[in-house]
Amino acid sequence: MSTRAEWLSALAAFESAARHQNFAHAGEELHITASAVSHHVRKLESRLGLPLFQRHARGVALTAAGRQLADAASSSLADLEDVLRGLKASSEDRDLVRIATLHSFTCTWLMPRLARFADAHPGIRLSIETGFALARFDDSGPDLAIRHGSGQWPGTQATKLMDEHLYPVAAPHMPGFATTKTARDVAALPLVSDNARQGWHDWFRAAKVLGVTPDERFRFTDSTGALEASATGLGAVLAREHIVAPYITNGRLVQLPGPSLVSRWSYYVVLPTHRRLRPAARTFVDWVIEEARAQGG
């Protein structure tokens, strides 16, 4: 017997009927009538020249030949379903872009801009994975990363997005805010810090405020936590300009007196060199570079 495409529907109907031992239930599963299932089964029986079911008043039961065909059909259709499911997943993955980046960058710079990306590219889905560790670009890893650093990471190609500056900010309702007129006055405030590699000591040195011991009362692992703490009035924080921008815009934080310190590190788009970037990921990279350029990065 040929297994050409026109027999697939008959085999599917037979396999369902064999599982249910009932034509009506098979019809419900396949969204066809019980008589259509019976028609498909009889067509197979006619082509084979032997019965596949024993029919009786209470229903049907497989014959020996029917059991043999049912086992083969069930296995084959399951294999086909697995392949089709895998192909569908592969098709969906083509439009999924995985991005590894920092929590602070995601919340304060990237997220406010994502609506523009979604409007421009509605068919592309984004998976944003935040953390401090550098991305591992293995087979199960992300497509790209956006990192803050020197731009030198082995096995990667890094494209600068934007430079960074550091300056102190505080909530306008923080005690002592109104009397803070100079960089030296900042040293008298309670200070909030994060785990950035440039901190208050660097800023006070740049401000030429010497001989002071900064009162760093609160330390957070992430810049977002430090900014939120400062916004509640806990103290002044040394902020990165791109990360603090939404806080400045909505007035929760205000820049304090003193210099803007050029950061030793910048933001980069980081790509693996051992594999080609997929079209959807390339679209996102081009978009994020353009966004940074539009901002003056």
C-alpha atoms as a PDB file:
ATOM      1  CA  MET A   1       0.000   0.000   0.000  1.00  0.00           C
ATOM      2  CA  SER A   2       1.268   3.453  -0.887  1.00  0.00           C
ATOM      3  CA  THR A   3       1.622   5.933   1.987  1.00  0.00           C
ATOM      4  CA  ARG A   4       0.946   8.909  -0.262  1.00  0.00           C
ATOM      5  CA  ALA A   5      -0.423  12.140   1.201  1.00  0.00           C
ATOM      6  CA  GLU A   6      -4.059  11.333   0.356  1.00  0.00           C
ATOM      7  CA  TRP A   7      -3.950   8.452   2.845  1.00  0.00           C
ATOM      8  CA  LEU A   8      -2.694  10.498   5.780  1.00  0.00           C
ATOM      9  CA  SER A   9      -6.184  11.646   6.773  1.00  0.00           C
ATOM     10  CA  ALA A  10      -7.430   8.053   6.648  1.00  0.00           C
ATOM     11  CA  LEU A  11      -4.518   6.875   8.793  1.00  0.00           C
ATOM     12  CA  ALA A  12      -5.092   9.725  11.266  1.00  0.00           C
ATOM     13  CA  ALA A  13      -8.774   8.813  11.574  1.00  0.00           C
ATOM     14  CA  PHE A  14      -7.924   5.115  12.006  1.00  0.00           C
ATOM     15  CA  GLU A  15      -5.232   5.847  14.642  1.00  0.00           C
ATOM     16  CA  SER A  16      -7.658   7.982  16.671  1.00  0.00           C
ATOM     17  CA  ALA A  17     -10.407   5.366  16.416  1.00  0.00           C
ATOM     18  CA  ALA A  18      -7.938   2.684  17.511  1.00  0.00           C
ATOM     19  CA  ARG A  19      -6.952   4.685  20.590  1.00  0.00           C
ATOM     20  CA  HIS A  20     -10.523   5.450  21.599  1.00  0.00           C
ATOM     21  CA  GLN A  21     -11.997   2.141  20.417  1.00  0.00           C
ATOM     22  CA  ASN A  22     -14.891   4.349  19.400  1.00  0.00           C
ATOM     23  CA  PHE A  23     -15.655   6.139  16.138  1.00  0.00           C
ATOM     24  CA  ALA A  24     -17.723   8.884  17.761  1.00  0.00           C
ATOM     25  CA  HIS A  25     -14.963   9.826  20.208  1.00  0.00           C
ATOM     26  CA  ALA A  26     -12.439   9.810  17.376  1.00  0.00           C
ATOM     27  CA  GLY A  27     -14.701  12.134  15.413  1.00  0.00           C
ATOM     28  CA  GLU A  28     -14.894  14.552  18.356  1.00  0.00           C
ATOM     29  CA  GLU A  29     -11.093  14.618  18.609  1.00  0.00           C
ATOM     30  CA  LEU A  30     -10.653  15.233  14.873  1.00  0.00           C
ATOM     31  CA  HIS A  31     -13.665  17.576  14.545  1.00  0.00           C
ATOM     32  CA  ILE A  32     -15.381  15.342  11.999  1.00  0.00           C
ATOM     33  CA  THR A  33     -18.439  13.104  12.187  1.00  0.00           C
ATOM     34  CA  ALA A  34     -18.398   9.474  13.324  1.00  0.00           C
ATOM     35  CA  SER A  35     -19.566   8.459   9.853  1.00  0.00           C
ATOM     36  CA  ALA A  36     -16.558  10.264   8.326  1.00  0.00           C
ATOM     37  CA  VAL A  37     -14.257   8.286  10.624  1.00  0.00           C
ATOM     38  CA  SER A  38     -16.023   5.083   9.580  1.00  0.00           C
ATOM     39  CA  HIS A  39     -15.599   6.049   5.922  1.00  0.00           C
ATOM     40  CA  HIS A  40     -11.842   6.560   6.365  1.00  0.00           C
ATOM     41  CA  VAL A  41     -11.480   3.216   8.148  1.00  0.00           C
ATOM     42  CA  ARG A  42     -13.445   1.331   5.485  1.00  0.00           C
ATOM     43  CA  LYS A  43     -11.266   2.926   2.794  1.00  0.00           C
ATOM     44  CA  LEU A  44      -8.166   1.540   4.533  1.00  0.00           C
ATOM     45  CA  GLU A  45      -9.787  -1.867   4.956  1.00  0.00           C
ATOM     46  CA  SER A  46     -10.781  -1.928   1.290  1.00  0.00           C
ATOM     47  CA  ARG A  47      -7.271  -1.034   0.168  1.00  0.00           C
ATOM     48  CA  LEU A  48      -5.690  -3.636   2.454  1.00  0.00           C
ATOM     49  CA  GLY A  49      -8.257  -6.319   1.728  1.00  0.00           C
ATOM     50  CA  LEU A  50      -8.688  -7.247   5.399  1.00  0.00           C
ATOM     51  CA  PRO A  51     -10.659  -5.983   8.416  1.00  0.00           C
ATOM     52  CA  LEU A  52      -9.025  -3.652  10.930  1.00  0.00           C
ATOM     53  CA  PHE A  53     -11.887  -3.632  13.431  1.00  0.00           C
ATOM     54  CA  GLN A  54     -14.362  -6.190  14.654  1.00  0.00           C
ATOM     55  CA  ARG A  55     -17.710  -4.403  14.783  1.00  0.00           C
ATOM     56  CA  HIS A  56     -20.307  -5.376  17.383  1.00  0.00           C
ATOM     57  CA  ALA A  57     -23.305  -3.850  19.086  1.00  0.00           C
ATOM     58  CA  ARG A  58     -21.287  -2.285  21.923  1.00  0.00           C
ATOM     59  CA  GLY A  59     -18.642  -0.739  19.671  1.00  0.00           C
ATOM     60  CA  VAL A  60     -15.509  -1.866  17.871  1.00  0.00           C
ATOM     61  CA  ALA A  61     -12.352  -3.813  18.726  1.00  0.00           C
ATOM     62  CA  LEU A  62      -9.080  -4.049  16.826  1.00  0.00           C
ATOM     63  CA  THR A  63      -8.247  -7.169  14.891  1.00  0.00           C
ATOM     64  CA  ALA A  64      -4.698  -8.523  14.978  1.00  0.00           C
ATOM     65  CA  ALA A  65      -3.936  -6.678  11.744  1.00  0.00           C
ATOM     66  CA  GLY A  66      -5.598  -3.559  13.138  1.00  0.00           C
ATOM     67  CA  ARG A  67      -3.420  -3.701  16.238  1.00  0.00           C
ATOM     68  CA  GLN A  68      -0.289  -3.973  14.110  1.00  0.00           C
ATOM     69  CA  LEU A  69      -1.279  -1.005  11.947  1.00  0.00           C
ATOM     70  CA  ALA A  70      -2.419   1.013  14.982  1.00  0.00           C
ATOM     71  CA  ASP A  71       0.973   0.606  16.673  1.00  0.00           C
ATOM     72  CA  ALA A  72       2.819   1.695  13.530  1.00  0.00           C
ATOM     73  CA  ALA A  73       0.442   4.591  12.834  1.00  0.00           C
ATOM     74  CA  SER A  74       0.607   5.852  16.424  1.00  0.00           C
ATOM     75  CA  SER A  75       4.411   5.805  16.426  1.00  0.00           C
ATOM     76  CA  SER A  76       4.705   7.431  13.000  1.00  0.00           C
ATOM     77  CA  LEU A  77       2.178  10.190  13.699  1.00  0.00           C
ATOM     78  CA  ALA A  78       3.850  10.930  17.037  1.00  0.00           C
ATOM     79  CA  ASP A  79       7.197  11.295  15.222  1.00  0.00           C
ATOM     80  CA  LEU A  80       5.591  13.640  12.711  1.00  0.00           C
ATOM     81  CA  GLU A  81       4.062  15.727  15.493  1.00  0.00           C
ATOM     82  CA  ASP A  82       7.463  16.021  17.202  1.00  0.00           C
ATOM     83  CA  VAL A  83       9.082  17.166  13.961  1.00  0.00           C
ATOM     84  CA  LEU A  84       6.318  19.674  13.242  1.00  0.00           C
ATOM     85  CA  ARG A  85       6.472  20.982  16.813  1.00  0.00           C
ATOM     86  CA  GLY A  86      10.234  21.383  16.503  1.00  0.00           C
ATOM     87  CA  LEU A  87       9.929  23.174  13.179  1.00  0.00           C
ATOM     88  CA  LYS A  88       7.319  25.529  14.619  1.00  0.00           C
ATOM     89  CA  ALA A  89       9.560  26.257  17.608  1.00  0.00           C
ATOM     90  CA  SER A  90      12.496  26.901  15.278  1.00  0.00           C
ATOM     91  CA  SER A  91      10.354  29.297  13.272  1.00  0.00           C
ATOM     92  CA  GLU A  92       9.342  31.151  16.436  1.00  0.00           C
ATOM     93  CA  ASP A  93      12.953  31.252  17.645  1.00  0.00           C
ATOM     94  CA  ARG A  94      13.946  33.065  14.477  1.00  0.00           C
ATOM     95  CA  ASP A  95      11.965  36.036  15.731  1.00  0.00           C
ATOM     96  CA  LEU A  96      13.174  35.825  19.354  1.00  0.00           C
ATOM     97  CA  VAL A  97      16.154  37.938  20.409  1.00  0.00           C
ATOM     98  CA  ARG A  98      17.866  37.155  23.729  1.00  0.00           C
ATOM     99  CA  ILE A  99      19.694  40.086  25.323  1.00  0.00           C
ATOM    100  CA  ALA A 100      21.912  39.877  28.404  1.00  0.00           C
ATOM    101  CA  THR A 101      22.400  43.177  30.182  1.00  0.00           C
ATOM    102  CA  LEU A 102      22.391  44.990  33.514  1.00  0.00           C
ATOM    103  CA  HIS A 103      19.268  45.451  35.617  1.00  0.00           C
ATOM    104  CA  SER A 104      19.914  49.177  36.031  1.00  0.00           C
ATOM    105  CA  PHE A 105      20.391  49.722  32.297  1.00  0.00           C
ATOM    106  CA  THR A 106      17.231  47.744  31.536  1.00  0.00           C
ATOM    107  CA  CYS A 107      14.993  49.580  33.984  1.00  0.00           C
ATOM    108  CA  THR A 108      16.143  53.150  33.392  1.00  0.00           C
ATOM    109  CA  TRP A 109      17.437  53.380  29.806  1.00  0.00           C
ATOM    110  CA  LEU A 110      16.199  50.427  27.751  1.00  0.00           C
ATOM    111  CA  MET A 111      12.682  49.882  29.060  1.00  0.00           C
ATOM    112  CA  PRO A 112      11.415  53.433  28.436  1.00  0.00           C
ATOM    113  CA  ARG A 113      12.426  53.006  24.766  1.00  0.00           C
ATOM    114  CA  LEU A 114      11.109  49.503  24.094  1.00  0.00           C
ATOM    115  CA  ALA A 115       7.663  50.684  22.990  1.00  0.00           C
ATOM    116  CA  ARG A 116       9.312  52.371  20.011  1.00  0.00           C
ATOM    117  CA  PHE A 117      11.047  49.124  19.081  1.00  0.00           C
ATOM    118  CA  ALA A 118       7.805  47.148  19.417  1.00  0.00           C
ATOM    119  CA  ASP A 119       5.964  49.633  17.204  1.00  0.00           C
ATOM    120  CA  ALA A 120       8.673  49.501  14.540  1.00  0.00           C
ATOM    121  CA  HIS A 121       9.197  45.712  14.670  1.00  0.00           C
ATOM    122  CA  PRO A 122       5.996  44.008  15.907  1.00  0.00           C
ATOM    123  CA  GLY A 123       7.124  40.575  14.696  1.00  0.00           C
ATOM    124  CA  ILE A 124      10.242  40.446  16.886  1.00  0.00           C
ATOM    125  CA  ARG A 125      10.070  39.177  20.465  1.00  0.00           C
ATOM    126  CA  LEU A 126      12.669  40.103  23.086  1.00  0.00           C
ATOM    127  CA  SER A 127      13.939  38.088  26.052  1.00  0.00           C
ATOM    128  CA  ILE A 128      15.926  40.366  28.368  1.00  0.00           C
ATOM    129  CA  GLU A 129      18.132  38.613  30.906  1.00  0.00           C
ATOM    130  CA  THR A 130      19.666  40.799  33.616  1.00  0.00           C
ATOM    131  CA  GLY A 131      22.686  40.105  35.788  1.00  0.00           C
ATOM    132  CA  PHE A 132      26.232  41.154  36.608  1.00  0.00           C
ATOM    133  CA  ALA A 133      28.020  38.165  35.065  1.00  0.00           C
ATOM    134  CA  LEU A 134      29.377  38.481  31.563  1.00  0.00           C
ATOM    135  CA  ALA A 135      27.275  36.652  28.987  1.00  0.00           C
ATOM    136  CA  ARG A 136      28.386  33.178  27.927  1.00  0.00           C
ATOM    137  CA  PHE A 137      27.808  32.994  24.198  1.00  0.00           C
ATOM    138  CA  ASP A 138      27.477  29.219  23.982  1.00  0.00           C
ATOM    139  CA  ASP A 139      24.776  27.404  21.992  1.00  0.00           C
ATOM    140  CA  SER A 140      22.190  28.033  24.704  1.00  0.00           C
ATOM    141  CA  GLY A 141      23.358  31.554  25.466  1.00  0.00           C
ATOM    142  CA  PRO A 142      22.007  34.978  24.450  1.00  0.00           C
ATOM    143  CA  ASP A 143      22.322  36.544  21.019  1.00  0.00           C
ATOM    144  CA  LEU A 144      24.016  39.662  22.335  1.00  0.00           C
ATOM    145  CA  ALA A 145      24.851  41.610  25.467  1.00  0.00           C
ATOM    146  CA  ILE A 146      24.885  45.257  26.497  1.00  0.00           C
ATOM    147  CA  ARG A 147      27.624  45.784  29.071  1.00  0.00           C
ATOM    148  CA  HIS A 148      29.318  48.577  30.992  1.00  0.00           C
ATOM    149  CA  GLY A 149      33.073  48.286  30.873  1.00  0.00           C
ATOM    150  CA  SER A 150      36.262  48.777  28.898  1.00  0.00           C
ATOM    151  CA  GLY A 151      35.014  47.201  25.667  1.00  0.00           C
ATOM    152  CA  GLN A 152      37.625  44.439  25.811  1.00  0.00           C
ATOM    153  CA  TRP A 153      36.120  41.006  26.351  1.00  0.00           C
ATOM    154  CA  PRO A 154      37.830  37.925  24.843  1.00  0.00           C
ATOM    155  CA  GLY A 155      35.990  36.220  22.001  1.00  0.00           C
ATOM    156  CA  THR A 156      33.634  39.139  21.419  1.00  0.00           C
ATOM    157  CA  GLN A 157      33.167  42.149  19.201  1.00  0.00           C
ATOM    158  CA  ALA A 158      32.174  45.284  21.126  1.00  0.00           C
ATOM    159  CA  THR A 159      30.601  48.415  19.625  1.00  0.00           C
ATOM    160  CA  LYS A 160      30.445  51.498  21.837  1.00  0.00           C
ATOM    161  CA  LEU A 161      26.945  52.742  22.537  1.00  0.00           C
ATOM    162  CA  MET A 162      27.701  55.774  24.698  1.00  0.00           C
ATOM    163  CA  ASP A 163      30.155  57.234  27.155  1.00  0.00           C
ATOM    164  CA  GLU A 164      29.196  57.948  30.733  1.00  0.00           C
ATOM    165  CA  HIS A 165      29.607  60.700  33.332  1.00  0.00           C
ATOM    166  CA  LEU A 166      29.170  60.564  37.092  1.00  0.00           C
ATOM    167  CA  TYR A 167      27.717  63.291  39.295  1.00  0.00           C
ATOM    168  CA  PRO A 168      26.044  63.462  42.719  1.00  0.00           C
ATOM    169  CA  VAL A 169      22.282  63.681  43.096  1.00  0.00           C
ATOM    170  CA  ALA A 170      19.840  63.669  45.988  1.00  0.00           C
ATOM    171  CA  ALA A 171      16.141  63.932  46.684  1.00  0.00           C
ATOM    172  CA  PRO A 172      15.060  67.575  47.106  1.00  0.00           C
ATOM    173  CA  HIS A 173      13.301  66.664  50.375  1.00  0.00           C
ATOM    174  CA  MET A 174      16.438  65.107  51.908  1.00  0.00           C
ATOM    175  CA  PRO A 175      17.560  66.852  55.115  1.00  0.00           C
ATOM    176  CA  GLY A 176      20.510  69.107  54.289  1.00  0.00           C
ATOM    177  CA  PHE A 177      19.672  69.400  50.583  1.00  0.00           C
ATOM    178  CA  ALA A 178      18.817  73.110  50.722  1.00  0.00           C
ATOM    179  CA  THR A 179      22.100  74.025  52.453  1.00  0.00           C
ATOM    180  CA  THR A 180      24.295  72.014  50.071  1.00  0.00           C
ATOM    181  CA  LYS A 181      25.964  74.753  48.016  1.00  0.00           C
ATOM    182  CA  THR A 182      29.425  73.335  47.223  1.00  0.00           C
ATOM    183  CA  ALA A 183      31.145  70.029  46.557  1.00  0.00           C
ATOM    184  CA  ARG A 184      32.570  70.135  50.102  1.00  0.00           C
ATOM    185  CA  ASP A 185      29.036  70.409  51.460  1.00  0.00           C
ATOM    186  CA  VAL A 186      28.240  67.107  49.703  1.00  0.00           C
ATOM    187  CA  ALA A 187      30.854  65.429  51.895  1.00  0.00           C
ATOM    188  CA  ALA A 188      28.790  66.319  54.966  1.00  0.00           C
ATOM    189  CA  LEU A 189      25.728  64.450  53.700  1.00  0.00           C
ATOM    190  CA  PRO A 190      24.924  60.791  54.322  1.00  0.00           C
ATOM    191  CA  LEU A 191      26.002  58.964  51.167  1.00  0.00           C
ATOM    192  CA  VAL A 192      24.584  56.047  49.207  1.00  0.00           C
ATOM    193  CA  SER A 193      26.806  53.908  46.979  1.00  0.00           C
ATOM    194  CA  ASP A 194      26.708  50.877  44.725  1.00  0.00           C
ATOM    195  CA  ASN A 195      29.267  48.339  43.536  1.00  0.00           C
ATOM    196  CA  ALA A 196      30.467  50.444  40.599  1.00  0.00           C
ATOM    197  CA  ARG A 197      34.211  50.507  40.079  1.00  0.00           C
ATOM    198  CA  GLN A 198      34.304  54.301  40.335  1.00  0.00           C
ATOM    199  CA  GLY A 199      32.867  55.758  43.492  1.00  0.00           C
ATOM    200  CA  TRP A 200      32.752  58.619  45.932  1.00  0.00           C
ATOM    201  CA  HIS A 201      36.511  58.700  46.560  1.00  0.00           C
ATOM    202  CA  ASP A 202      37.088  59.264  42.824  1.00  0.00           C
ATOM    203  CA  TRP A 203      34.510  62.038  42.691  1.00  0.00           C
ATOM    204  CA  PHE A 204      35.807  63.886  45.757  1.00  0.00           C
ATOM    205  CA  ARG A 205      39.324  63.719  44.308  1.00  0.00           C
ATOM    206  CA  ALA A 206      38.058  65.208  41.029  1.00  0.00           C
ATOM    207  CA  ALA A 207      36.182  67.885  43.010  1.00  0.00           C
ATOM    208  CA  LYS A 208      39.424  68.670  44.889  1.00  0.00           C
ATOM    209  CA  VAL A 209      37.690  67.991  48.191  1.00  0.00           C
ATOM    210  CA  LEU A 210      40.552  66.521  50.186  1.00  0.00           C
ATOM    211  CA  GLY A 211      40.948  65.393  53.762  1.00  0.00           C
ATOM    212  CA  VAL A 212      37.367  64.147  54.164  1.00  0.00           C
ATOM    213  CA  THR A 213      36.041  60.736  55.083  1.00  0.00           C
ATOM    214  CA  PRO A 214      32.827  60.120  53.104  1.00  0.00           C
ATOM    215  CA  ASP A 215      29.959  58.820  55.228  1.00  0.00           C
ATOM    216  CA  GLU A 216      28.797  55.935  53.012  1.00  0.00           C
ATOM    217  CA  ARG A 217      25.878  54.697  55.092  1.00  0.00           C
ATOM    218  CA  PHE A 218      24.104  52.542  52.492  1.00  0.00           C
ATOM    219  CA  ARG A 219      25.586  50.287  49.825  1.00  0.00           C
ATOM    220  CA  PHE A 220      23.674  48.406  47.155  1.00  0.00           C
ATOM    221  CA  THR A 221      24.851  45.842  44.621  1.00  0.00           C
ATOM    222  CA  ASP A 222      22.876  47.488  41.828  1.00  0.00           C
ATOM    223  CA  SER A 223      22.636  51.128  40.751  1.00  0.00           C
ATOM    224  CA  THR A 224      18.841  51.003  40.650  1.00  0.00           C
ATOM    225  CA  GLY A 225      18.694  50.116  44.333  1.00  0.00           C
ATOM    226  CA  ALA A 226      21.076  52.963  45.175  1.00  0.00           C
ATOM    227  CA  LEU A 227      19.016  55.457  43.159  1.00  0.00           C
ATOM    228  CA  GLU A 228      15.770  54.320  44.773  1.00  0.00           C
ATOM    229  CA  ALA A 229      17.343  54.660  48.233  1.00  0.00           C
ATOM    230  CA  SER A 230      18.494  58.173  47.429  1.00  0.00           C
ATOM    231  CA  ALA A 231      15.075  59.078  46.026  1.00  0.00           C
ATOM    232  CA  THR A 232      13.491  58.198  49.380  1.00  0.00           C
ATOM    233  CA  GLY A 233      15.808  60.714  51.071  1.00  0.00           C
ATOM    234  CA  LEU A 234      18.343  58.317  52.605  1.00  0.00           C
ATOM    235  CA  GLY A 235      21.314  60.195  51.189  1.00  0.00           C
ATOM    236  CA  ALA A 236      23.148  61.507  48.154  1.00  0.00           C
ATOM    237  CA  VAL A 237      24.212  59.028  45.488  1.00  0.00           C
ATOM    238  CA  LEU A 238      26.905  59.219  42.810  1.00  0.00           C
ATOM    239  CA  ALA A 239      24.825  58.574  39.697  1.00  0.00           C
ATOM    240  CA  ARG A 240      25.605  57.610  36.119  1.00  0.00           C
ATOM    241  CA  GLU A 241      24.002  60.161  33.822  1.00  0.00           C
ATOM    242  CA  HIS A 242      22.177  57.709  31.540  1.00  0.00           C
ATOM    243  CA  ILE A 243      20.854  55.640  34.432  1.00  0.00           C
ATOM    244  CA  VAL A 244      19.701  58.593  36.530  1.00  0.00           C
ATOM    245  CA  ALA A 245      18.038  60.450  33.622  1.00  0.00           C
ATOM    246  CA  PRO A 246      14.431  59.358  34.348  1.00  0.00           C
ATOM    247  CA  TYR A 247      14.850  60.295  38.028  1.00  0.00           C
ATOM    248  CA  ILE A 248      16.055  63.764  37.015  1.00  0.00           C
ATOM    249  CA  THR A 249      13.209  64.137  34.519  1.00  0.00           C
ATOM    250  CA  ASN A 250      10.480  63.337  37.037  1.00  0.00           C
ATOM    251  CA  GLY A 251      12.126  65.430  39.769  1.00  0.00           C
ATOM    252  CA  ARG A 252      12.707  62.612  42.258  1.00  0.00           C
ATOM    253  CA  LEU A 253      16.420  63.376  42.203  1.00  0.00           C
ATOM    254  CA  VAL A 254      18.265  66.654  41.595  1.00  0.00           C
ATOM    255  CA  GLN A 255      21.913  67.180  40.661  1.00  0.00           C
ATOM    256  CA  LEU A 256      24.084  68.510  43.488  1.00  0.00           C
ATOM    257  CA  PRO A 257      26.961  71.008  43.196  1.00  0.00           C
ATOM    258  CA  GLY A 258      30.292  69.737  41.948  1.00  0.00           C
ATOM    259  CA  PRO A 259      31.944  68.445  38.797  1.00  0.00           C
ATOM    260  CA  SER A 260      30.676  65.844  36.341  1.00  0.00           C
ATOM    261  CA  LEU A 261      33.300  63.103  36.368  1.00  0.00           C
ATOM    262  CA  VAL A 262      34.089  61.333  33.083  1.00  0.00           C
ATOM    263  CA  SER A 263      33.690  57.609  33.643  1.00  0.00           C
ATOM    264  CA  ARG A 264      36.547  55.281  32.817  1.00  0.00           C
ATOM    265  CA  TRP A 265      34.023  52.873  31.314  1.00  0.00           C
ATOM    266  CA  SER A 266      31.321  53.079  28.650  1.00  0.00           C
ATOM    267  CA  TYR A 267      28.307  51.110  27.459  1.00  0.00           C
ATOM    268  CA  TYR A 268      28.882  48.608  24.647  1.00  0.00           C
ATOM    269  CA  VAL A 269      26.868  46.240  22.503  1.00  0.00           C
ATOM    270  CA  VAL A 270      28.754  42.951  22.749  1.00  0.00           C
ATOM    271  CA  LEU A 271      28.467  40.222  20.100  1.00  0.00           C
ATOM    272  CA  PRO A 272      30.056  36.759  19.897  1.00  0.00           C
ATOM    273  CA  THR A 273      32.672  36.372  17.179  1.00  0.00           C
ATOM    274  CA  HIS A 274      32.178  32.624  16.679  1.00  0.00           C
ATOM    275  CA  ARG A 275      28.674  32.789  15.214  1.00  0.00           C
ATOM    276  CA  ARG A 276      26.763  34.963  12.788  1.00  0.00           C
ATOM    277  CA  LEU A 277      24.121  37.286  14.178  1.00  0.00           C
ATOM    278  CA  ARG A 278      20.599  36.282  13.173  1.00  0.00           C
ATOM    279  CA  PRO A 279      18.520  38.862  11.230  1.00  0.00           C
ATOM    280  CA  ALA A 280      16.164  39.620  14.141  1.00  0.00           C
ATOM    281  CA  ALA A 281      19.104  40.187  16.486  1.00  0.00           C
ATOM    282  CA  ARG A 282      20.812  42.399  13.894  1.00  0.00           C
ATOM    283  CA  THR A 283      17.623  44.471  13.700  1.00  0.00           C
ATOM    284  CA  PHE A 284      17.709  45.015  17.458  1.00  0.00           C
ATOM    285  CA  VAL A 285      21.415  45.898  17.456  1.00  0.00           C
ATOM    286  CA  ASP A 286      20.918  48.474  14.707  1.00  0.00           C
ATOM    287  CA  TRP A 287      17.952  49.921  16.588  1.00  0.00           C
ATOM    288  CA  VAL A 288      19.719  50.251  19.952  1.00  0.00           C
ATOM    289  CA  ILE A 289      22.758  51.882  18.327  1.00  0.00           C
ATOM    290  CA  GLU A 290      20.477  54.374  16.592  1.00  0.00           C
ATOM    291  CA  GLU A 291      18.694  55.102  19.878  1.00  0.00           C
ATOM    292  CA  ALA A 292      22.000  55.847  21.579  1.00  0.00           C
ATOM    293  CA  ARG A 293      23.091  58.013  18.649  1.00  0.00           C
ATOM    294  CA  ALA A 294      19.817  59.957  18.774  1.00  0.00           C
ATOM    295  CA  GLN A 295      20.441  60.656  22.441  1.00  0.00           C
ATOM    296  CA  GLY A 296      23.881  61.987  21.646  1.00  0.00           C
ATOM    297  CA  GLY A 297      25.762  58.850  22.619  1.00  0.00           C
END
